[in-house]
Amino acid sequence: MRPVAPPVHTFAGSYAVRGTTPAGEAYQGTMQLERKGAFLHAAADLGALGTRYGLAIPFSGRLVMAFGEKDKVEIGAYLLEGKTIHGLWVPPGAADADYGNCGVEESVAESPGVWTIRSAVAIDGSKYHGTVRLDPPQWPLNTATATVVRMTWNLHDGDYHSFGLAYGDAVYATFNLAPGQPNGIAVYGISGDVLDGVWIAGGQDAVGRETLRRNA
């Protein structure tokens, strides 16, 4: 069952960006968040880090953004309710008025770090089944600290690999449809006109930090 899309217009606008890379290098720049239906499209000029294109939604009290090649990344957002996991997959370039064309993935945690998919519909409308495996299999059960996780989907048609940021109540992932090109996932806490978060790019084990402050 697809969740109701929350309003996103309050996030649209221009932001000043300050952050540090996973290696501890400082950077700054600007980011524009544009509302397109129930989704946000991001374009950022981050100085030495170059241009970043992203796709974002509010989910479980945070703003989650997948970034990479323009219109080539998906968002995977999982809500954890005990042993039940409700997953939502947002297609690249999403601009619909609701989540009707998003994928859904309903799973049950059978053991630490192993989810069995009970029912799922991909973004192309096809059904699939299998398991999701996370490494590490456990992380702190709090909502403030993110743990980097490697994720493998062992599905009926093959294995798929990516990464994400795990919290006590949610896991945020991405999938890259431009193989060989950089991509990542960022998750921001929401506090008025300031979005304070962490991000990770593919192949990295440490997170960077980033603050978006709305321009007047």
C-alpha atoms as a PDB file:
ATOM      1  CA  MET A   1       0.000   0.000   0.000  1.00  0.00           C
ATOM      2  CA  ARG A   2       1.470   3.351  -1.039  1.00  0.00           C
ATOM      3  CA  PRO A   3       1.500   6.045   1.659  1.00  0.00           C
ATOM      4  CA  VAL A   4      -0.131   9.411   1.132  1.00  0.00           C
ATOM      5  CA  ALA A   5       2.379  11.934  -0.178  1.00  0.00           C
ATOM      6  CA  PRO A   6       3.005  14.735   2.350  1.00  0.00           C
ATOM      7  CA  PRO A   7       3.085  18.332   1.086  1.00  0.00           C
ATOM      8  CA  VAL A   8       6.484  19.455  -0.152  1.00  0.00           C
ATOM      9  CA  HIS A   9       5.880  23.094  -1.096  1.00  0.00           C
ATOM     10  CA  THR A  10       7.246  24.307   2.255  1.00  0.00           C
ATOM     11  CA  PHE A  11      10.707  23.012   1.316  1.00  0.00           C
ATOM     12  CA  ALA A  12      10.906  24.691  -2.089  1.00  0.00           C
ATOM     13  CA  GLY A  13      13.322  27.586  -2.380  1.00  0.00           C
ATOM     14  CA  SER A  14      16.965  28.636  -2.384  1.00  0.00           C
ATOM     15  CA  TYR A  15      19.418  27.503   0.300  1.00  0.00           C
ATOM     16  CA  ALA A  16      22.964  28.295   1.352  1.00  0.00           C
ATOM     17  CA  VAL A  17      24.978  25.101   1.804  1.00  0.00           C
ATOM     18  CA  ARG A  18      27.815  24.438   4.228  1.00  0.00           C
ATOM     19  CA  GLY A  19      29.312  21.048   4.842  1.00  0.00           C
ATOM     20  CA  THR A  20      32.255  18.763   5.350  1.00  0.00           C
ATOM     21  CA  THR A  21      33.118  15.745   3.230  1.00  0.00           C
ATOM     22  CA  PRO A  22      33.644  12.286   4.769  1.00  0.00           C
ATOM     23  CA  ALA A  23      37.362  13.149   4.638  1.00  0.00           C
ATOM     24  CA  GLY A  24      36.756  16.281   6.730  1.00  0.00           C
ATOM     25  CA  GLU A  25      37.203  18.845   3.951  1.00  0.00           C
ATOM     26  CA  ALA A  26      34.965  21.912   4.223  1.00  0.00           C
ATOM     27  CA  TYR A  27      32.851  23.142   1.315  1.00  0.00           C
ATOM     28  CA  GLN A  28      30.052  25.602   0.672  1.00  0.00           C
ATOM     29  CA  GLY A  29      27.689  26.563  -2.109  1.00  0.00           C
ATOM     30  CA  THR A  30      24.034  26.990  -2.985  1.00  0.00           C
ATOM     31  CA  MET A  31      21.112  24.651  -3.582  1.00  0.00           C
ATOM     32  CA  GLN A  32      17.761  25.182  -5.247  1.00  0.00           C
ATOM     33  CA  LEU A  33      14.869  22.891  -4.273  1.00  0.00           C
ATOM     34  CA  GLU A  34      12.079  22.947  -6.842  1.00  0.00           C
ATOM     35  CA  ARG A  35       8.679  21.397  -6.234  1.00  0.00           C
ATOM     36  CA  LYS A  36       7.486  19.049  -8.966  1.00  0.00           C
ATOM     37  CA  GLY A  37       4.191  17.515  -7.936  1.00  0.00           C
ATOM     38  CA  ALA A  38       4.656  15.504  -4.733  1.00  0.00           C
ATOM     39  CA  PHE A  39       8.447  15.584  -5.072  1.00  0.00           C
ATOM     40  CA  LEU A  40      11.416  17.927  -4.849  1.00  0.00           C
ATOM     41  CA  HIS A  41      14.145  18.251  -7.460  1.00  0.00           C
ATOM     42  CA  ALA A  42      17.470  19.662  -6.317  1.00  0.00           C
ATOM     43  CA  ALA A  43      20.268  21.408  -8.185  1.00  0.00           C
ATOM     44  CA  ALA A  44      23.314  22.491  -6.206  1.00  0.00           C
ATOM     45  CA  ASP A  45      26.552  24.282  -6.979  1.00  0.00           C
ATOM     46  CA  LEU A  46      28.959  23.028  -4.321  1.00  0.00           C
ATOM     47  CA  GLY A  47      32.201  24.660  -5.386  1.00  0.00           C
ATOM     48  CA  ALA A  48      35.028  22.137  -5.434  1.00  0.00           C
ATOM     49  CA  LEU A  49      32.512  19.274  -5.220  1.00  0.00           C
ATOM     50  CA  GLY A  50      30.909  20.406  -8.464  1.00  0.00           C
ATOM     51  CA  THR A  51      27.224  20.255  -9.379  1.00  0.00           C
ATOM     52  CA  ARG A  52      24.823  17.944  -7.553  1.00  0.00           C
ATOM     53  CA  TYR A  53      21.407  16.903  -8.872  1.00  0.00           C
ATOM     54  CA  GLY A  54      18.963  15.298  -6.470  1.00  0.00           C
ATOM     55  CA  LEU A  55      15.478  13.926  -5.910  1.00  0.00           C
ATOM     56  CA  ALA A  56      13.902  14.339  -2.470  1.00  0.00           C
ATOM     57  CA  ILE A  57      10.830  13.584  -0.334  1.00  0.00           C
ATOM     58  CA  PRO A  58       9.914  14.047   3.322  1.00  0.00           C
ATOM     59  CA  PHE A  59       9.782  10.641   5.042  1.00  0.00           C
ATOM     60  CA  SER A  60       9.463   9.673   8.705  1.00  0.00           C
ATOM     61  CA  GLY A  61      10.102  13.236   9.893  1.00  0.00           C
ATOM     62  CA  ARG A  62      13.196  13.803   7.766  1.00  0.00           C
ATOM     63  CA  LEU A  63      13.997  15.006   4.267  1.00  0.00           C
ATOM     64  CA  VAL A  64      15.714  12.286   2.232  1.00  0.00           C
ATOM     65  CA  MET A  65      17.539  13.055  -1.012  1.00  0.00           C
ATOM     66  CA  ALA A  66      19.119  10.698  -3.533  1.00  0.00           C
ATOM     67  CA  PHE A  67      21.681  12.388  -5.758  1.00  0.00           C
ATOM     68  CA  GLY A  68      23.721  11.564  -8.836  1.00  0.00           C
ATOM     69  CA  GLU A  69      23.264  11.915 -12.588  1.00  0.00           C
ATOM     70  CA  LYS A  70      20.193  14.052 -13.323  1.00  0.00           C
ATOM     71  CA  ASP A  71      17.030  11.895 -13.375  1.00  0.00           C
ATOM     72  CA  LYS A  72      19.071   8.693 -12.933  1.00  0.00           C
ATOM     73  CA  VAL A  73      18.684   7.885  -9.221  1.00  0.00           C
ATOM     74  CA  GLU A  74      15.900   6.287  -7.191  1.00  0.00           C
ATOM     75  CA  ILE A  75      14.999   6.865  -3.540  1.00  0.00           C
ATOM     76  CA  GLY A  76      14.353   3.865  -1.326  1.00  0.00           C
ATOM     77  CA  ALA A  77      12.724   4.761   1.990  1.00  0.00           C
ATOM     78  CA  TYR A  78      11.837   2.131   4.597  1.00  0.00           C
ATOM     79  CA  LEU A  79       9.720   2.690   7.711  1.00  0.00           C
ATOM     80  CA  LEU A  80      10.538   0.221  10.510  1.00  0.00           C
ATOM     81  CA  GLU A  81       7.626  -0.784  12.755  1.00  0.00           C
ATOM     82  CA  GLY A  82       8.833  -3.635  14.923  1.00  0.00           C
ATOM     83  CA  LYS A  83       9.452  -6.562  12.591  1.00  0.00           C
ATOM     84  CA  THR A  84       7.345  -5.007   9.834  1.00  0.00           C
ATOM     85  CA  ILE A  85       9.081  -2.922   7.170  1.00  0.00           C
ATOM     86  CA  HIS A  86       7.146  -0.659   4.810  1.00  0.00           C
ATOM     87  CA  GLY A  87       9.228   0.332   1.776  1.00  0.00           C
ATOM     88  CA  LEU A  88       8.661   3.023  -0.840  1.00  0.00           C
ATOM     89  CA  TRP A  89      10.705   3.377  -4.050  1.00  0.00           C
ATOM     90  CA  VAL A  90      10.593   6.707  -5.895  1.00  0.00           C
ATOM     91  CA  PRO A  91      11.417   6.541  -9.620  1.00  0.00           C
ATOM     92  CA  PRO A  92      14.044   8.805 -11.232  1.00  0.00           C
ATOM     93  CA  GLY A  93      12.733  12.239 -12.179  1.00  0.00           C
ATOM     94  CA  ALA A  94       9.443  11.684 -10.333  1.00  0.00           C
ATOM     95  CA  ALA A  95       7.063  14.615 -10.830  1.00  0.00           C
ATOM     96  CA  ASP A  96       3.584  13.115 -10.349  1.00  0.00           C
ATOM     97  CA  ALA A  97       0.982  14.611  -8.045  1.00  0.00           C
ATOM     98  CA  ASP A  98       1.109  11.592  -5.709  1.00  0.00           C
ATOM     99  CA  TYR A  99       2.950   8.322  -5.052  1.00  0.00           C
ATOM    100  CA  GLY A 100       0.831   6.319  -7.490  1.00  0.00           C
ATOM    101  CA  ASN A 101       3.779   5.463  -9.744  1.00  0.00           C
ATOM    102  CA  CYS A 102       6.174   4.651  -6.912  1.00  0.00           C
ATOM    103  CA  GLY A 103       7.199   1.125  -6.050  1.00  0.00           C
ATOM    104  CA  VAL A 104       6.210  -0.496  -2.763  1.00  0.00           C
ATOM    105  CA  GLU A 105       7.939  -3.220  -0.777  1.00  0.00           C
ATOM    106  CA  GLU A 106       6.384  -4.874   2.285  1.00  0.00           C
ATOM    107  CA  SER A 107       8.752  -7.045   4.320  1.00  0.00           C
ATOM    108  CA  VAL A 108       9.171  -8.835   7.634  1.00  0.00           C
ATOM    109  CA  ALA A 109      12.426  -8.976   9.615  1.00  0.00           C
ATOM    110  CA  GLU A 110      13.181 -12.678   9.969  1.00  0.00           C
ATOM    111  CA  SER A 111      16.535 -12.175  11.737  1.00  0.00           C
ATOM    112  CA  PRO A 112      18.918  -9.243  12.320  1.00  0.00           C
ATOM    113  CA  GLY A 113      19.714  -7.684   8.981  1.00  0.00           C
ATOM    114  CA  VAL A 114      17.543 -10.050   6.935  1.00  0.00           C
ATOM    115  CA  TRP A 115      14.145  -8.994   5.626  1.00  0.00           C
ATOM    116  CA  THR A 116      11.847 -11.317   3.739  1.00  0.00           C
ATOM    117  CA  ILE A 117       9.793  -9.507   1.112  1.00  0.00           C
ATOM    118  CA  ARG A 118       6.145 -10.531   1.505  1.00  0.00           C
ATOM    119  CA  SER A 119       4.772  -8.415  -1.341  1.00  0.00           C
ATOM    120  CA  ALA A 120       6.308  -5.879  -3.698  1.00  0.00           C
ATOM    121  CA  VAL A 121       5.561  -3.952  -6.857  1.00  0.00           C
ATOM    122  CA  ALA A 122       8.442  -2.312  -8.725  1.00  0.00           C
ATOM    123  CA  ILE A 123       8.289   1.141 -10.268  1.00  0.00           C
ATOM    124  CA  ASP A 124       7.561  -0.488 -13.644  1.00  0.00           C
ATOM    125  CA  GLY A 125       4.506  -2.252 -12.182  1.00  0.00           C
ATOM    126  CA  SER A 126       6.040  -5.739 -12.068  1.00  0.00           C
ATOM    127  CA  LYS A 127       5.860  -7.881  -8.936  1.00  0.00           C
ATOM    128  CA  TYR A 128       8.939  -9.334  -7.288  1.00  0.00           C
ATOM    129  CA  HIS A 129       9.980 -11.340  -4.245  1.00  0.00           C
ATOM    130  CA  GLY A 130      13.110 -12.297  -2.350  1.00  0.00           C
ATOM    131  CA  THR A 131      15.093 -10.987   0.616  1.00  0.00           C
ATOM    132  CA  VAL A 132      16.889  -7.803   1.627  1.00  0.00           C
ATOM    133  CA  ARG A 133      20.178  -8.128   3.532  1.00  0.00           C
ATOM    134  CA  LEU A 134      21.863  -5.310   5.453  1.00  0.00           C
ATOM    135  CA  ASP A 135      25.451  -5.112   6.659  1.00  0.00           C
ATOM    136  CA  PRO A 136      25.971  -4.446   9.509  1.00  0.00           C
ATOM    137  CA  PRO A 137      22.838  -6.392  10.503  1.00  0.00           C
ATOM    138  CA  GLN A 138      22.201  -4.250  13.596  1.00  0.00           C
ATOM    139  CA  TRP A 139      22.628  -0.579  14.470  1.00  0.00           C
ATOM    140  CA  PRO A 140      21.737   1.702  17.425  1.00  0.00           C
ATOM    141  CA  LEU A 141      18.002   1.825  18.058  1.00  0.00           C
ATOM    142  CA  ASN A 142      17.788   5.608  18.166  1.00  0.00           C
ATOM    143  CA  THR A 143      16.474   8.193  15.751  1.00  0.00           C
ATOM    144  CA  ALA A 144      19.378  10.654  15.925  1.00  0.00           C
ATOM    145  CA  THR A 145      22.420   8.738  14.698  1.00  0.00           C
ATOM    146  CA  ALA A 146      22.838   7.323  11.202  1.00  0.00           C
ATOM    147  CA  THR A 147      24.679   4.064  10.515  1.00  0.00           C
ATOM    148  CA  VAL A 148      26.083   3.374   7.055  1.00  0.00           C
ATOM    149  CA  VAL A 149      24.700   0.079   5.741  1.00  0.00           C
ATOM    150  CA  ARG A 150      25.455  -1.983   2.659  1.00  0.00           C
ATOM    151  CA  MET A 151      22.320  -3.481   1.150  1.00  0.00           C
ATOM    152  CA  THR A 152      21.758  -6.491  -1.092  1.00  0.00           C
ATOM    153  CA  TRP A 153      18.440  -7.428  -2.637  1.00  0.00           C
ATOM    154  CA  ASN A 154      18.449 -11.177  -3.400  1.00  0.00           C
ATOM    155  CA  LEU A 155      15.476 -11.223  -5.768  1.00  0.00           C
ATOM    156  CA  HIS A 156      13.916 -13.833  -8.018  1.00  0.00           C
ATOM    157  CA  ASP A 157      15.654 -12.301 -11.035  1.00  0.00           C
ATOM    158  CA  GLY A 158      19.097 -11.678  -9.568  1.00  0.00           C
ATOM    159  CA  ASP A 159      21.055  -9.771  -6.939  1.00  0.00           C
ATOM    160  CA  TYR A 160      21.139  -5.992  -6.642  1.00  0.00           C
ATOM    161  CA  HIS A 161      23.560  -3.999  -4.489  1.00  0.00           C
ATOM    162  CA  SER A 162      23.529  -0.510  -3.014  1.00  0.00           C
ATOM    163  CA  PHE A 163      23.946   1.329   0.296  1.00  0.00           C
ATOM    164  CA  GLY A 164      22.005   3.470   2.706  1.00  0.00           C
ATOM    165  CA  LEU A 165      21.744   5.304   6.023  1.00  0.00           C
ATOM    166  CA  ALA A 166      19.973   3.444   8.837  1.00  0.00           C
ATOM    167  CA  TYR A 167      18.232   4.953  11.870  1.00  0.00           C
ATOM    168  CA  GLY A 168      16.268   3.291  14.641  1.00  0.00           C
ATOM    169  CA  ASP A 169      12.976   3.949  12.866  1.00  0.00           C
ATOM    170  CA  ALA A 170      13.886   4.111   9.176  1.00  0.00           C
ATOM    171  CA  VAL A 171      16.391   3.132   6.507  1.00  0.00           C
ATOM    172  CA  TYR A 172      17.085   5.391   3.531  1.00  0.00           C
ATOM    173  CA  ALA A 173      18.656   3.939   0.398  1.00  0.00           C
ATOM    174  CA  THR A 174      19.233   4.745  -3.254  1.00  0.00           C
ATOM    175  CA  PHE A 175      19.695   2.943  -6.527  1.00  0.00           C
ATOM    176  CA  ASN A 176      21.805   4.260  -9.378  1.00  0.00           C
ATOM    177  CA  LEU A 177      20.618   3.868 -12.981  1.00  0.00           C
ATOM    178  CA  ALA A 178      23.825   5.403 -14.348  1.00  0.00           C
ATOM    179  CA  PRO A 179      26.426   2.695 -13.626  1.00  0.00           C
ATOM    180  CA  GLY A 180      29.913   4.042 -13.081  1.00  0.00           C
ATOM    181  CA  GLN A 181      28.696   7.538 -12.219  1.00  0.00           C
ATOM    182  CA  PRO A 182      28.850   8.940  -8.657  1.00  0.00           C
ATOM    183  CA  ASN A 183      25.707   8.799  -6.572  1.00  0.00           C
ATOM    184  CA  GLY A 184      24.734   9.110  -2.932  1.00  0.00           C
ATOM    185  CA  ILE A 185      22.067   9.604  -0.323  1.00  0.00           C
ATOM    186  CA  ALA A 186      21.542  12.517   2.082  1.00  0.00           C
ATOM    187  CA  VAL A 187      19.201  12.679   5.080  1.00  0.00           C
ATOM    188  CA  TYR A 188      18.322  15.958   6.799  1.00  0.00           C
ATOM    189  CA  GLY A 189      16.629  16.693  10.071  1.00  0.00           C
ATOM    190  CA  ILE A 190      13.908  19.316   9.729  1.00  0.00           C
ATOM    191  CA  SER A 191      14.013  22.402  11.951  1.00  0.00           C
ATOM    192  CA  GLY A 192      12.334  25.520  10.575  1.00  0.00           C
ATOM    193  CA  ASP A 193      14.364  27.050   7.763  1.00  0.00           C
ATOM    194  CA  VAL A 194      17.435  24.939   8.558  1.00  0.00           C
ATOM    195  CA  LEU A 195      17.997  21.388   7.299  1.00  0.00           C
ATOM    196  CA  ASP A 196      20.884  19.716   9.106  1.00  0.00           C
ATOM    197  CA  GLY A 197      21.975  16.317   7.906  1.00  0.00           C
ATOM    198  CA  VAL A 198      24.456  13.712   6.828  1.00  0.00           C
ATOM    199  CA  TRP A 199      25.307  12.168   3.468  1.00  0.00           C
ATOM    200  CA  ILE A 200      27.283   9.363   1.959  1.00  0.00           C
ATOM    201  CA  ALA A 201      28.446   8.658  -1.571  1.00  0.00           C
ATOM    202  CA  GLY A 202      28.885   5.224  -3.093  1.00  0.00           C
ATOM    203  CA  GLY A 203      31.977   3.337  -1.968  1.00  0.00           C
ATOM    204  CA  GLN A 204      32.458   5.356   1.223  1.00  0.00           C
ATOM    205  CA  ASP A 205      32.104   4.138   4.795  1.00  0.00           C
ATOM    206  CA  ALA A 206      32.161   7.511   6.568  1.00  0.00           C
ATOM    207  CA  VAL A 207      29.484  10.189   6.360  1.00  0.00           C
ATOM    208  CA  GLY A 208      29.798  13.830   5.440  1.00  0.00           C
ATOM    209  CA  ARG A 209      27.805  16.546   7.162  1.00  0.00           C
ATOM    210  CA  GLU A 210      25.742  19.221   5.473  1.00  0.00           C
ATOM    211  CA  THR A 211      23.525  22.114   6.561  1.00  0.00           C
ATOM    212  CA  LEU A 212      21.040  23.845   4.277  1.00  0.00           C
ATOM    213  CA  ARG A 213      19.933  27.292   5.440  1.00  0.00           C
ATOM    214  CA  ARG A 214      17.107  28.963   3.547  1.00  0.00           C
ATOM    215  CA  ASN A 215      18.010  32.243   1.885  1.00  0.00           C
ATOM    216  CA  ALA A 216      15.861  35.237   2.795  1.00  0.00           C
END
